[in-house]
Amino acid sequence: MELERDVENYLIHQVKQMNGLTYKWVSPGIRGVPDRIVILAGKLFFVELKRANGSLRKNQQYQIRKLREQGQLVFTVYSKADVDQVLNKIFNE
């Protein structure tokens, strides 16, 4: 089973290989924001990382919904394969 930190490190590495940027998102006073802000191929999107059998907490669901209401892309990834799917989608759009 892939650990969340391994998937996060994989995301960081893959985005860097594609000349993109990943930033850890820490928002004091606001719980549940996605883990990473990614800028790649002229697009900005958010990534929430979870372990393979993990689930979103209510505050994470709320923050993701609020971001999507603002027209932002937000992805939840559970594995390295999920990372690859997200990056392929973003890079090839």
PDB file of N, CA and C in Angstrom:
ATOM      1  N   MET A   1       0.840  -1.182   0.000  1.00  0.00           N
ATOM      2  CA  MET A   1       0.000   0.000   0.000  1.00  0.00           C
ATOM      3  C   MET A   1       0.889   1.250   0.000  1.00  0.00           C
ATOM      4  N   GLU A   2       0.551   2.196  -0.858  1.00  0.00           N
ATOM      5  CA  GLU A   2       1.316   3.435  -0.939  1.00  0.00           C
ATOM      6  C   GLU A   2       0.925   4.362   0.217  1.00  0.00           C
ATOM      7  N   LEU A   3       1.913   4.937   0.852  1.00  0.00           N
ATOM      8  CA  LEU A   3       1.666   5.898   1.918  1.00  0.00           C
ATOM      9  C   LEU A   3       1.362   7.265   1.315  1.00  0.00           C
ATOM     10  N   GLU A   4       0.606   8.057   2.041  1.00  0.00           N
ATOM     11  CA  GLU A   4       0.237   9.384   1.561  1.00  0.00           C
ATOM     12  C   GLU A   4       1.479  10.215   1.244  1.00  0.00           C
ATOM     13  N   ARG A   5       2.480  10.153   2.091  1.00  0.00           N
ATOM     14  CA  ARG A   5       3.691  10.956   1.845  1.00  0.00           C
ATOM     15  C   ARG A   5       4.427  10.501   0.593  1.00  0.00           C
ATOM     16  N   ASP A   6       4.376   9.198   0.283  1.00  0.00           N
ATOM     17  CA  ASP A   6       5.008   8.701  -0.949  1.00  0.00           C
ATOM     18  C   ASP A   6       4.277   9.222  -2.182  1.00  0.00           C
ATOM     19  N   VAL A   7       2.956   9.259  -2.112  1.00  0.00           N
ATOM     20  CA  VAL A   7       2.160   9.784  -3.227  1.00  0.00           C
ATOM     21  C   VAL A   7       2.428  11.280  -3.373  1.00  0.00           C
ATOM     22  N   GLU A   8       2.523  11.991  -2.255  1.00  0.00           N
ATOM     23  CA  GLU A   8       2.809  13.428  -2.304  1.00  0.00           C
ATOM     24  C   GLU A   8       4.189  13.683  -2.911  1.00  0.00           C
ATOM     25  N   ASN A   9       5.190  12.929  -2.489  1.00  0.00           N
ATOM     26  CA  ASN A   9       6.528  13.089  -3.060  1.00  0.00           C
ATOM     27  C   ASN A   9       6.537  12.774  -4.547  1.00  0.00           C
ATOM     28  N   TYR A  10       5.759  11.788  -4.955  1.00  0.00           N
ATOM     29  CA  TYR A  10       5.652  11.438  -6.365  1.00  0.00           C
ATOM     30  C   TYR A  10       5.020  12.589  -7.149  1.00  0.00           C
ATOM     31  N   LEU A  11       3.954  13.175  -6.610  1.00  0.00           N
ATOM     32  CA  LEU A  11       3.316  14.332  -7.248  1.00  0.00           C
ATOM     33  C   LEU A  11       4.326  15.455  -7.440  1.00  0.00           C
ATOM     34  N   ILE A  12       5.050  15.784  -6.385  1.00  0.00           N
ATOM     35  CA  ILE A  12       6.038  16.861  -6.444  1.00  0.00           C
ATOM     36  C   ILE A  12       7.075  16.567  -7.522  1.00  0.00           C
ATOM     37  N   HIS A  13       7.584  15.350  -7.539  1.00  0.00           N
ATOM     38  CA  HIS A  13       8.609  14.966  -8.508  1.00  0.00           C
ATOM     39  C   HIS A  13       8.085  15.034  -9.947  1.00  0.00           C
ATOM     40  N   GLN A  14       6.900  14.487 -10.172  1.00  0.00           N
ATOM     41  CA  GLN A  14       6.345  14.462 -11.521  1.00  0.00           C
ATOM     42  C   GLN A  14       6.058  15.870 -12.040  1.00  0.00           C
ATOM     43  N   VAL A  15       5.505  16.719 -11.192  1.00  0.00           N
ATOM     44  CA  VAL A  15       5.204  18.093 -11.609  1.00  0.00           C
ATOM     45  C   VAL A  15       6.504  18.826 -11.918  1.00  0.00           C
ATOM     46  N   LYS A  16       7.516  18.639 -11.100  1.00  0.00           N
ATOM     47  CA  LYS A  16       8.817  19.276 -11.341  1.00  0.00           C
ATOM     48  C   LYS A  16       9.397  18.810 -12.676  1.00  0.00           C
ATOM     49  N   GLN A  17       9.267  17.507 -12.989  1.00  0.00           N
ATOM     50  CA  GLN A  17       9.769  16.966 -14.255  1.00  0.00           C
ATOM     51  C   GLN A  17       9.051  17.603 -15.448  1.00  0.00           C
ATOM     52  N   MET A  18       7.819  18.062 -15.244  1.00  0.00           N
ATOM     53  CA  MET A  18       7.033  18.676 -16.304  1.00  0.00           C
ATOM     54  C   MET A  18       7.172  20.201 -16.283  1.00  0.00           C
ATOM     55  N   ASN A  19       8.171  20.698 -15.543  1.00  0.00           N
ATOM     56  CA  ASN A  19       8.450  22.138 -15.402  1.00  0.00           C
ATOM     57  C   ASN A  19       7.310  22.900 -14.742  1.00  0.00           C
ATOM     58  N   GLY A  20       6.608  22.230 -13.852  1.00  0.00           N
ATOM     59  CA  GLY A  20       5.539  22.875 -13.107  1.00  0.00           C
ATOM     60  C   GLY A  20       5.966  23.176 -11.682  1.00  0.00           C
ATOM     61  N   LEU A  21       5.051  23.736 -10.929  1.00  0.00           N
ATOM     62  CA  LEU A  21       5.305  24.128  -9.544  1.00  0.00           C
ATOM     63  C   LEU A  21       4.281  23.472  -8.627  1.00  0.00           C
ATOM     64  N   THR A  22       4.717  23.053  -7.445  1.00  0.00           N
ATOM     65  CA  THR A  22       3.797  22.566  -6.417  1.00  0.00           C
ATOM     66  C   THR A  22       4.097  23.308  -5.121  1.00  0.00           C
ATOM     67  N   TYR A  23       3.065  23.802  -4.511  1.00  0.00           N
ATOM     68  CA  TYR A  23       3.206  24.501  -3.239  1.00  0.00           C
ATOM     69  C   TYR A  23       2.347  23.821  -2.182  1.00  0.00           C
ATOM     70  N   LYS A  24       2.916  23.651  -1.010  1.00  0.00           N
ATOM     71  CA  LYS A  24       2.160  23.152   0.133  1.00  0.00           C
ATOM     72  C   LYS A  24       1.214  24.263   0.552  1.00  0.00           C
ATOM     73  N   TRP A  25      -0.053  23.934   0.725  1.00  0.00           N
ATOM     74  CA  TRP A  25      -1.017  24.950   1.118  1.00  0.00           C
ATOM     75  C   TRP A  25      -1.319  24.797   2.596  1.00  0.00           C
ATOM     76  N   VAL A  26      -0.945  25.811   3.342  1.00  0.00           N
ATOM     77  CA  VAL A  26      -1.266  25.898   4.762  1.00  0.00           C
ATOM     78  C   VAL A  26      -2.030  27.201   4.933  1.00  0.00           C
ATOM     79  N   SER A  27      -3.230  27.123   5.463  1.00  0.00           N
ATOM     80  CA  SER A  27      -4.069  28.297   5.612  1.00  0.00           C
ATOM     81  C   SER A  27      -4.460  28.445   7.078  1.00  0.00           C
ATOM     82  N   PRO A  28      -3.676  29.212   7.834  1.00  0.00           N
ATOM     83  CA  PRO A  28      -3.966  29.363   9.261  1.00  0.00           C
ATOM     84  C   PRO A  28      -5.411  29.823   9.493  1.00  0.00           C
ATOM     85  N   GLY A  29      -6.076  29.133  10.384  1.00  0.00           N
ATOM     86  CA  GLY A  29      -7.441  29.498  10.738  1.00  0.00           C
ATOM     87  C   GLY A  29      -8.509  28.873   9.850  1.00  0.00           C
ATOM     88  N   ILE A  30      -8.106  28.226   8.764  1.00  0.00           N
ATOM     89  CA  ILE A  30      -9.068  27.577   7.875  1.00  0.00           C
ATOM     90  C   ILE A  30      -8.658  26.124   7.716  1.00  0.00           C
ATOM     91  N   ARG A  31      -9.449  25.233   8.276  1.00  0.00           N
ATOM     92  CA  ARG A  31      -9.144  23.801   8.212  1.00  0.00           C
ATOM     93  C   ARG A  31      -9.749  23.188   6.948  1.00  0.00           C
ATOM     94  N   GLY A  32      -9.069  22.159   6.446  1.00  0.00           N
ATOM     95  CA  GLY A  32      -9.631  21.377   5.360  1.00  0.00           C
ATOM     96  C   GLY A  32      -9.248  21.798   3.959  1.00  0.00           C
ATOM     97  N   VAL A  33      -8.343  22.789   3.828  1.00  0.00           N
ATOM     98  CA  VAL A  33      -7.932  23.172   2.477  1.00  0.00           C
ATOM     99  C   VAL A  33      -7.107  22.036   1.864  1.00  0.00           C
ATOM    100  N   PRO A  34      -7.118  21.899   0.537  1.00  0.00           N
ATOM    101  CA  PRO A  34      -6.330  20.842  -0.096  1.00  0.00           C
ATOM    102  C   PRO A  34      -4.843  20.956   0.248  1.00  0.00           C
ATOM    103  N   ASP A  35      -4.138  19.838   0.140  1.00  0.00           N
ATOM    104  CA  ASP A  35      -2.731  19.775   0.529  1.00  0.00           C
ATOM    105  C   ASP A  35      -1.804  20.586  -0.365  1.00  0.00           C
ATOM    106  N   ARG A  36      -2.071  20.586  -1.667  1.00  0.00           N
ATOM    107  CA  ARG A  36      -1.141  21.180  -2.620  1.00  0.00           C
ATOM    108  C   ARG A  36      -1.847  22.085  -3.615  1.00  0.00           C
ATOM    109  N   ILE A  37      -1.157  23.167  -3.966  1.00  0.00           N
ATOM    110  CA  ILE A  37      -1.528  24.022  -5.088  1.00  0.00           C
ATOM    111  C   ILE A  37      -0.526  23.688  -6.186  1.00  0.00           C
ATOM    112  N   VAL A  38      -1.034  23.383  -7.373  1.00  0.00           N
ATOM    113  CA  VAL A  38      -0.159  23.000  -8.482  1.00  0.00           C
ATOM    114  C   VAL A  38      -0.379  23.969  -9.633  1.00  0.00           C
ATOM    115  N   ILE A  39       0.732  24.419 -10.218  1.00  0.00           N
ATOM    116  CA  ILE A  39       0.692  25.268 -11.399  1.00  0.00           C
ATOM    117  C   ILE A  39       1.441  24.519 -12.483  1.00  0.00           C
ATOM    118  N   LEU A  40       0.715  24.184 -13.561  1.00  0.00           N
ATOM    119  CA  LEU A  40       1.288  23.346 -14.613  1.00  0.00           C
ATOM    120  C   LEU A  40       0.596  23.641 -15.934  1.00  0.00           C
ATOM    121  N   ALA A  41       1.387  23.788 -16.966  1.00  0.00           N
ATOM    122  CA  ALA A  41       0.865  23.975 -18.328  1.00  0.00           C
ATOM    123  C   ALA A  41      -0.133  25.134 -18.399  1.00  0.00           C
ATOM    124  N   GLY A  42       0.157  26.214 -17.678  1.00  0.00           N
ATOM    125  CA  GLY A  42      -0.709  27.386 -17.703  1.00  0.00           C
ATOM    126  C   GLY A  42      -1.975  27.258 -16.885  1.00  0.00           C
ATOM    127  N   LYS A  43      -2.077  26.208 -16.087  1.00  0.00           N
ATOM    128  CA  LYS A  43      -3.265  25.983 -15.270  1.00  0.00           C
ATOM    129  C   LYS A  43      -2.883  25.918 -13.791  1.00  0.00           C
ATOM    130  N   LEU A  44      -3.819  26.337 -12.965  1.00  0.00           N
ATOM    131  CA  LEU A  44      -3.662  26.244 -11.525  1.00  0.00           C
ATOM    132  C   LEU A  44      -4.750  25.301 -11.021  1.00  0.00           C
ATOM    133  N   PHE A  45      -4.356  24.354 -10.170  1.00  0.00           N
ATOM    134  CA  PHE A  45      -5.343  23.447  -9.597  1.00  0.00           C
ATOM    135  C   PHE A  45      -4.885  22.998  -8.222  1.00  0.00           C
ATOM    136  N   PHE A  46      -5.791  22.370  -7.511  1.00  0.00           N
ATOM    137  CA  PHE A  46      -5.561  21.959  -6.139  1.00  0.00           C
ATOM    138  C   PHE A  46      -5.608  20.441  -6.037  1.00  0.00           C
ATOM    139  N   VAL A  47      -4.772  19.880  -5.143  1.00  0.00           N
ATOM    140  CA  VAL A  47      -4.733  18.436  -4.959  1.00  0.00           C
ATOM    141  C   VAL A  47      -4.834  18.111  -3.473  1.00  0.00           C
ATOM    142  N   GLU A  48      -5.802  17.269  -3.147  1.00  0.00           N
ATOM    143  CA  GLU A  48      -5.915  16.702  -1.809  1.00  0.00           C
ATOM    144  C   GLU A  48      -5.386  15.279  -1.891  1.00  0.00           C
ATOM    145  N   LEU A  49      -4.442  14.947  -1.025  1.00  0.00           N
ATOM    146  CA  LEU A  49      -3.842  13.617  -1.006  1.00  0.00           C
ATOM    147  C   LEU A  49      -4.434  12.799   0.126  1.00  0.00           C
ATOM    148  N   LYS A  50      -4.741  11.540  -0.189  1.00  0.00           N
ATOM    149  CA  LYS A  50      -5.305  10.620   0.794  1.00  0.00           C
ATOM    150  C   LYS A  50      -4.613   9.271   0.679  1.00  0.00           C
ATOM    151  N   ARG A  51      -4.572   8.537   1.774  1.00  0.00           N
ATOM    152  CA  ARG A  51      -4.059   7.169   1.693  1.00  0.00           C
ATOM    153  C   ARG A  51      -5.064   6.332   0.909  1.00  0.00           C
ATOM    154  N   ALA A  52      -4.644   5.163   0.493  1.00  0.00           N
ATOM    155  CA  ALA A  52      -5.439   4.335  -0.424  1.00  0.00           C
ATOM    156  C   ALA A  52      -6.873   4.123   0.034  1.00  0.00           C
ATOM    157  N   ASN A  53      -7.088   3.896   1.305  1.00  0.00           N
ATOM    158  CA  ASN A  53      -8.448   3.661   1.788  1.00  0.00           C
ATOM    159  C   ASN A  53      -8.983   4.841   2.593  1.00  0.00           C
ATOM    160  N   GLY A  54      -8.384   6.004   2.402  1.00  0.00           N
ATOM    161  CA  GLY A  54      -8.783   7.195   3.143  1.00  0.00           C
ATOM    162  C   GLY A  54     -10.058   7.814   2.589  1.00  0.00           C
ATOM    163  N   SER A  55     -10.629   8.702   3.365  1.00  0.00           N
ATOM    164  CA  SER A  55     -11.822   9.421   2.920  1.00  0.00           C
ATOM    165  C   SER A  55     -11.705  10.876   3.345  1.00  0.00           C
ATOM    166  N   LEU A  56     -12.426  11.718   2.634  1.00  0.00           N
ATOM    167  CA  LEU A  56     -12.407  13.145   2.929  1.00  0.00           C
ATOM    168  C   LEU A  56     -13.200  13.438   4.200  1.00  0.00           C
ATOM    169  N   ARG A  57     -12.633  14.297   5.057  1.00  0.00           N
ATOM    170  CA  ARG A  57     -13.363  14.760   6.227  1.00  0.00           C
ATOM    171  C   ARG A  57     -14.398  15.808   5.780  1.00  0.00           C
ATOM    172  N   LYS A  58     -15.360  16.070   6.619  1.00  0.00           N
ATOM    173  CA  LYS A  58     -16.416  17.031   6.267  1.00  0.00           C
ATOM    174  C   LYS A  58     -15.849  18.412   5.944  1.00  0.00           C
ATOM    175  N   ASN A  59     -14.850  18.860   6.708  1.00  0.00           N
ATOM    176  CA  ASN A  59     -14.290  20.184   6.429  1.00  0.00           C
ATOM    177  C   ASN A  59     -13.528  20.190   5.099  1.00  0.00           C
ATOM    178  N   GLN A  60     -12.947  19.063   4.709  1.00  0.00           N
ATOM    179  CA  GLN A  60     -12.285  18.974   3.405  1.00  0.00           C
ATOM    180  C   GLN A  60     -13.319  18.991   2.284  1.00  0.00           C
ATOM    181  N   GLN A  61     -14.397  18.262   2.463  1.00  0.00           N
ATOM    182  CA  GLN A  61     -15.474  18.270   1.468  1.00  0.00           C
ATOM    183  C   GLN A  61     -16.008  19.686   1.278  1.00  0.00           C
ATOM    184  N   TYR A  62     -16.174  20.392   2.388  1.00  0.00           N
ATOM    185  CA  TYR A  62     -16.676  21.765   2.340  1.00  0.00           C
ATOM    186  C   TYR A  62     -15.722  22.672   1.565  1.00  0.00           C
ATOM    187  N   GLN A  63     -14.440  22.612   1.889  1.00  0.00           N
ATOM    188  CA  GLN A  63     -13.468  23.481   1.212  1.00  0.00           C
ATOM    189  C   GLN A  63     -13.352  23.147  -0.275  1.00  0.00           C
ATOM    190  N   ILE A  64     -13.386  21.873  -0.608  1.00  0.00           N
ATOM    191  CA  ILE A  64     -13.336  21.479  -2.021  1.00  0.00           C
ATOM    192  C   ILE A  64     -14.560  22.014  -2.753  1.00  0.00           C
ATOM    193  N   ARG A  65     -15.721  21.884  -2.139  1.00  0.00           N
ATOM    194  CA  ARG A  65     -16.952  22.400  -2.756  1.00  0.00           C
ATOM    195  C   ARG A  65     -16.853  23.917  -2.969  1.00  0.00           C
ATOM    196  N   LYS A  66     -16.352  24.638  -1.977  1.00  0.00           N
ATOM    197  CA  LYS A  66     -16.225  26.100  -2.101  1.00  0.00           C
ATOM    198  C   LYS A  66     -15.267  26.484  -3.223  1.00  0.00           C
ATOM    199  N   LEU A  67     -14.156  25.768  -3.352  1.00  0.00           N
ATOM    200  CA  LEU A  67     -13.215  26.044  -4.440  1.00  0.00           C
ATOM    201  C   LEU A  67     -13.847  25.762  -5.795  1.00  0.00           C
ATOM    202  N   ARG A  68     -14.551  24.661  -5.909  1.00  0.00           N
ATOM    203  CA  ARG A  68     -15.209  24.314  -7.173  1.00  0.00           C
ATOM    204  C   ARG A  68     -16.293  25.319  -7.525  1.00  0.00           C
ATOM    205  N   GLU A  69     -16.989  25.843  -6.521  1.00  0.00           N
ATOM    206  CA  GLU A  69     -17.998  26.882  -6.771  1.00  0.00           C
ATOM    207  C   GLU A  69     -17.362  28.129  -7.360  1.00  0.00           C
ATOM    208  N   GLN A  70     -16.081  28.331  -7.095  1.00  0.00           N
ATOM    209  CA  GLN A  70     -15.331  29.465  -7.648  1.00  0.00           C
ATOM    210  C   GLN A  70     -14.690  29.127  -8.999  1.00  0.00           C
ATOM    211  N   GLY A  71     -15.034  27.954  -9.523  1.00  0.00           N
ATOM    212  CA  GLY A  71     -14.536  27.561 -10.837  1.00  0.00           C
ATOM    213  C   GLY A  71     -13.164  26.925 -10.831  1.00  0.00           C
ATOM    214  N   GLN A  72     -12.678  26.516  -9.660  1.00  0.00           N
ATOM    215  CA  GLN A  72     -11.344  25.929  -9.564  1.00  0.00           C
ATOM    216  C   GLN A  72     -11.387  24.412  -9.721  1.00  0.00           C
ATOM    217  N   LEU A  73     -10.307  23.870 -10.282  1.00  0.00           N
ATOM    218  CA  LEU A  73     -10.146  22.424 -10.386  1.00  0.00           C
ATOM    219  C   LEU A  73      -9.562  21.899  -9.084  1.00  0.00           C
ATOM    220  N   VAL A  74     -10.184  20.865  -8.542  1.00  0.00           N
ATOM    221  CA  VAL A  74      -9.694  20.229  -7.324  1.00  0.00           C
ATOM    222  C   VAL A  74      -9.749  18.719  -7.543  1.00  0.00           C
ATOM    223  N   PHE A  75      -8.628  18.059  -7.266  1.00  0.00           N
ATOM    224  CA  PHE A  75      -8.540  16.612  -7.431  1.00  0.00           C
ATOM    225  C   PHE A  75      -8.183  15.965  -6.104  1.00  0.00           C
ATOM    226  N   THR A  76      -8.755  14.807  -5.854  1.00  0.00           N
ATOM    227  CA  THR A  76      -8.366  13.986  -4.710  1.00  0.00           C
ATOM    228  C   THR A  76      -7.633  12.779  -5.277  1.00  0.00           C
ATOM    229  N   VAL A  77      -6.403  12.552  -4.802  1.00  0.00           N
ATOM    230  CA  VAL A  77      -5.615  11.426  -5.302  1.00  0.00           C
ATOM    231  C   VAL A  77      -5.300  10.468  -4.165  1.00  0.00           C
ATOM    232  N   TYR A  78      -5.353   9.184  -4.490  1.00  0.00           N
ATOM    233  CA  TYR A  78      -5.144   8.121  -3.514  1.00  0.00           C
ATOM    234  C   TYR A  78      -3.916   7.269  -3.830  1.00  0.00           C
ATOM    235  N   SER A  79      -3.308   7.495  -5.020  1.00  0.00           N
ATOM    236  CA  SER A  79      -2.199   6.646  -5.448  1.00  0.00           C
ATOM    237  C   SER A  79      -1.349   7.369  -6.490  1.00  0.00           C
ATOM    238  N   LYS A  80      -0.203   6.792  -6.792  1.00  0.00           N
ATOM    239  CA  LYS A  80       0.650   7.333  -7.847  1.00  0.00           C
ATOM    240  C   LYS A  80      -0.061   7.260  -9.192  1.00  0.00           C
ATOM    241  N   ALA A  81      -0.836   6.208  -9.412  1.00  0.00           N
ATOM    242  CA  ALA A  81      -1.601   6.086 -10.658  1.00  0.00           C
ATOM    243  C   ALA A  81      -2.613   7.226 -10.787  1.00  0.00           C
ATOM    244  N   ASP A  82      -3.231   7.627  -9.670  1.00  0.00           N
ATOM    245  CA  ASP A  82      -4.147   8.774  -9.690  1.00  0.00           C
ATOM    246  C   ASP A  82      -3.406  10.048 -10.071  1.00  0.00           C
ATOM    247  N   VAL A  83      -2.202  10.212  -9.535  1.00  0.00           N
ATOM    248  CA  VAL A  83      -1.377  11.382  -9.874  1.00  0.00           C
ATOM    249  C   VAL A  83      -1.144  11.410 -11.381  1.00  0.00           C
ATOM    250  N   ASP A  84      -0.752  10.276 -11.945  1.00  0.00           N
ATOM    251  CA  ASP A  84      -0.498  10.205 -13.384  1.00  0.00           C
ATOM    252  C   ASP A  84      -1.746  10.583 -14.183  1.00  0.00           C
ATOM    253  N   GLN A  85      -2.902  10.109 -13.761  1.00  0.00           N
ATOM    254  CA  GLN A  85      -4.149  10.420 -14.468  1.00  0.00           C
ATOM    255  C   GLN A  85      -4.446  11.921 -14.429  1.00  0.00           C
ATOM    256  N   VAL A  86      -4.282  12.533 -13.261  1.00  0.00           N
ATOM    257  CA  VAL A  86      -4.539  13.968 -13.123  1.00  0.00           C
ATOM    258  C   VAL A  86      -3.582  14.764 -14.000  1.00  0.00           C
ATOM    259  N   LEU A  87      -2.298  14.431 -13.955  1.00  0.00           N
ATOM    260  CA  LEU A  87      -1.310  15.190 -14.725  1.00  0.00           C
ATOM    261  C   LEU A  87      -1.515  15.008 -16.222  1.00  0.00           C
ATOM    262  N   ASN A  88      -1.876  13.820 -16.649  1.00  0.00           N
ATOM    263  CA  ASN A  88      -2.173  13.600 -18.066  1.00  0.00           C
ATOM    264  C   ASN A  88      -3.379  14.433 -18.492  1.00  0.00           C
ATOM    265  N   LYS A  89      -4.387  14.465 -17.657  1.00  0.00           N
ATOM    266  CA  LYS A  89      -5.588  15.247 -17.964  1.00  0.00           C
ATOM    267  C   LYS A  89      -5.233  16.734 -18.092  1.00  0.00           C
ATOM    268  N   ILE A  90      -4.515  17.262 -17.134  1.00  0.00           N
ATOM    269  CA  ILE A  90      -4.163  18.682 -17.135  1.00  0.00           C
ATOM    270  C   ILE A  90      -3.228  19.014 -18.295  1.00  0.00           C
ATOM    271  N   PHE A  91      -2.213  18.217 -18.474  1.00  0.00           N
ATOM    272  CA  PHE A  91      -1.184  18.517 -19.474  1.00  0.00           C
ATOM    273  C   PHE A  91      -1.720  18.367 -20.892  1.00  0.00           C
ATOM    274  N   ASN A  92      -2.697  17.517 -21.098  1.00  0.00           N
ATOM    275  CA  ASN A  92      -3.189  17.262 -22.447  1.00  0.00           C
ATOM    276  C   ASN A  92      -4.468  18.005 -22.795  1.00  0.00           C
ATOM    277  N   GLU A  93      -4.967  18.843 -21.890  1.00  0.00           N
ATOM    278  CA  GLU A  93      -6.175  19.629 -22.205  1.00  0.00           C
ATOM    279  C   GLU A  93      -5.809  20.860 -22.982  1.00  0.00           C
TER     280      GLU A  93
END
